[in-house]
């Protein structure tokens, strides 16, 4: 019988503790005033005063659960598929899994496609034009001014 009294007393303490914590939660939170020496003290105090009277969201405004999210089973399947693909890639690119063949055929096809132009041998007129251009450039060039000492 005394055991029942202890249970009732514990239940009373638990209920009163919950009531006190709910009362503490229900009281509005008032932030302390900003430091008066701060250059933004007035703005901070005004923002704190506005936030006390601001509208609070309701539970009805919680957005609906998205429907386009994969389930854990689908995630597990996707991870498994990626692991299988990674293993296949490692097997396919492992050392000594491929060889080069018909390299000469490939090179001859590339040479046909490239069609490099035949080199032209410069004529005496080309050499004279080059020399004239170089002489004109040298004549236009001036040495930079020397630094006074």
Protein backbone atom coordinates (compact mmCIF):
# COMPACT_ATOMS: atom_id res chain seq x y z
CA UNK A 1 0.00 0.00 0.00
CA UNK A 2 2.86 2.37 0.74
CA UNK A 3 4.23 1.45 -2.65
CA UNK A 4 1.13 2.91 -4.31
CA UNK A 5 1.63 6.21 -2.49
CA UNK A 6 5.16 6.44 -3.84
CA UNK A 7 3.91 5.90 -7.37
CA UNK A 8 1.30 8.62 -6.94
CA UNK A 9 3.90 11.01 -5.51
CA UNK A 10 6.29 10.33 -8.38
CA UNK A 11 3.48 10.85 -10.87
CA UNK A 12 2.62 14.17 -9.18
CA UNK A 13 6.23 15.33 -9.35
CA UNK A 14 6.42 14.32 -13.01
CA UNK A 15 3.19 16.10 -13.90
CA UNK A 16 4.17 19.27 -12.04
CA UNK A 17 7.62 19.22 -13.70
CA UNK A 18 5.99 18.95 -17.11
CA UNK A 19 3.61 21.79 -16.26
CA UNK A 20 6.50 24.01 -15.23
CA UNK A 21 8.44 23.25 -18.40
CA UNK A 22 5.37 23.96 -20.53
CA UNK A 23 4.86 27.23 -18.71
CA UNK A 24 8.49 28.15 -19.35
CA UNK A 25 8.06 27.35 -23.04
CA UNK A 26 4.86 29.34 -23.28
CA UNK A 27 6.42 32.54 -21.94
CA UNK A 28 7.63 34.83 -24.73
CA UNK A 29 11.36 35.06 -25.18
CA UNK A 30 12.64 38.56 -24.75
CA UNK A 31 16.21 39.07 -25.86
CA UNK A 32 18.44 41.27 -23.72
CA UNK A 33 18.94 44.85 -24.90
CA UNK A 34 21.91 45.53 -27.15
CA UNK A 35 25.07 47.11 -25.78
CA UNK A 36 24.42 50.89 -25.83
CA UNK A 37 27.99 51.59 -26.98
CA UNK A 38 27.42 49.54 -30.14
CA UNK A 39 26.90 51.55 -33.34
CA UNK A 40 23.92 49.34 -34.28
CA UNK A 41 22.28 49.23 -30.82
CA UNK A 42 19.17 51.16 -31.87
CA UNK A 43 18.62 49.00 -34.95
CA UNK A 44 19.17 45.78 -32.97
CA UNK A 45 16.69 46.81 -30.27
CA UNK A 46 14.11 47.78 -32.92
CA UNK A 47 14.55 44.43 -34.70
CA UNK A 48 14.17 42.55 -31.39
CA UNK A 49 10.97 44.47 -30.60
CA UNK A 50 9.54 43.65 -34.06
CA UNK A 51 10.42 39.97 -33.77
CA UNK A 52 8.41 39.65 -30.53
CA UNK A 53 5.24 40.65 -32.34
CA UNK A 54 6.00 38.86 -35.59
CA UNK A 55 3.65 36.22 -36.94
CA UNK A 56 4.70 32.67 -36.08
CA UNK A 57 4.17 29.84 -38.59
CA UNK A 58 1.50 27.24 -37.88
CA UNK A 59 1.65 23.46 -38.19
CA UNK A 60 -0.76 23.74 -41.12
CA UNK A 61 1.93 25.60 -43.06
CA UNK A 62 4.34 22.67 -42.98
CA UNK A 63 4.77 21.58 -46.60
CA UNK A 64 3.56 18.17 -47.74
CA UNK A 65 5.99 15.28 -47.88
CA UNK A 66 7.58 15.16 -51.34
CA UNK A 67 6.53 12.25 -53.52
CA UNK A 68 9.45 12.30 -55.96
CA UNK A 69 12.05 11.08 -53.43
CA UNK A 70 13.51 7.61 -53.76
CA UNK A 71 12.66 5.05 -51.13
CA UNK A 72 15.47 3.39 -49.13
CA UNK A 73 15.06 0.25 -51.25
CA UNK A 74 15.48 2.28 -54.46
CA UNK A 75 18.59 3.95 -53.01
CA UNK A 76 20.02 0.55 -52.16
CA UNK A 77 19.38 -0.67 -55.73
CA UNK A 78 21.02 2.45 -57.20
CA UNK A 79 24.09 2.05 -55.00
CA UNK A 80 24.33 -1.62 -55.95
CA UNK A 81 24.13 -0.74 -59.66
CA UNK A 82 26.92 1.84 -59.24
CA UNK A 83 29.12 -0.70 -57.47
CA UNK A 84 28.55 -3.23 -60.27
CA UNK A 85 29.42 -0.59 -62.89
CA UNK A 86 32.59 0.38 -60.97
CA UNK A 87 33.69 -3.26 -60.75
CA UNK A 88 33.12 -3.72 -64.50
CA UNK A 89 35.12 -0.58 -65.26
CA UNK A 90 38.00 -1.80 -63.09
CA UNK A 91 37.97 -5.18 -64.85
CA UNK A 92 37.83 -3.59 -68.32
CA UNK A 93 40.69 -1.18 -67.65
CA UNK A 94 42.95 -3.44 -65.63
CA UNK A 95 46.56 -3.85 -66.82
CA UNK A 96 47.12 -6.27 -69.74
CA UNK A 97 43.44 -6.33 -70.72
CA UNK A 98 43.92 -4.78 -74.17
CA UNK A 99 46.48 -4.67 -76.95
CA UNK A 100 47.19 -2.47 -79.93
CA UNK A 101 46.68 -4.01 -83.34
CA UNK A 102 46.85 -2.80 -86.96
CA UNK A 103 48.73 0.35 -86.03
CA UNK A 104 50.18 0.65 -89.53
CA UNK A 105 46.70 0.57 -91.08
CA UNK A 106 45.57 3.30 -88.72
CA UNK A 107 48.65 5.42 -89.52
CA UNK A 108 48.19 5.07 -93.29
CA UNK A 109 44.53 6.07 -93.04
CA UNK A 110 45.50 9.09 -90.96
CA UNK A 111 48.14 10.10 -93.52
CA UNK A 112 45.57 9.90 -96.35
CA UNK A 113 43.11 12.06 -94.44
CA UNK A 114 45.74 14.62 -93.42
CA UNK A 115 46.91 15.39 -97.00
CA UNK A 116 49.87 17.55 -96.01
CA UNK A 117 50.69 20.13 -98.69
CA UNK A 118 53.96 19.74 -100.52
CA UNK A 119 56.58 22.14 -99.16
CA UNK A 120 57.41 25.01 -101.54
CA UNK A 121 61.02 25.99 -102.00
CA UNK A 122 61.44 29.76 -101.64
CA UNK A 123 62.42 31.56 -104.83
CA UNK A 124 64.93 34.40 -105.19
CA UNK A 125 62.01 36.85 -105.25
CA UNK A 126 60.74 35.44 -101.89
CA UNK A 127 64.20 35.80 -100.36
CA UNK A 128 64.50 39.38 -101.65
CA UNK A 129 61.07 40.31 -100.22
CA UNK A 130 62.05 38.86 -96.84
CA UNK A 131 65.33 40.79 -96.83
CA UNK A 132 63.54 44.02 -97.78
CA UNK A 133 61.04 43.54 -94.93
CA UNK A 134 63.84 42.87 -92.42
CA UNK A 135 65.84 45.94 -93.62
CA UNK A 136 62.75 48.17 -93.32
CA UNK A 137 62.12 46.88 -89.79
CA UNK A 138 65.74 47.54 -88.79
CA UNK A 139 65.58 51.06 -90.22
CA UNK A 140 62.39 51.84 -88.24
CA UNK A 141 63.79 50.46 -84.99
CA UNK A 142 65.28 52.88 -82.49
CA UNK A 143 67.28 52.03 -79.44
CA UNK A 144 65.70 52.77 -76.08
CA UNK A 145 66.97 55.86 -74.33
CA UNK A 146 69.84 55.20 -71.97
CA UNK A 147 69.48 56.05 -68.31
CA UNK A 148 71.29 59.19 -67.19
CA UNK A 149 74.05 58.51 -64.69
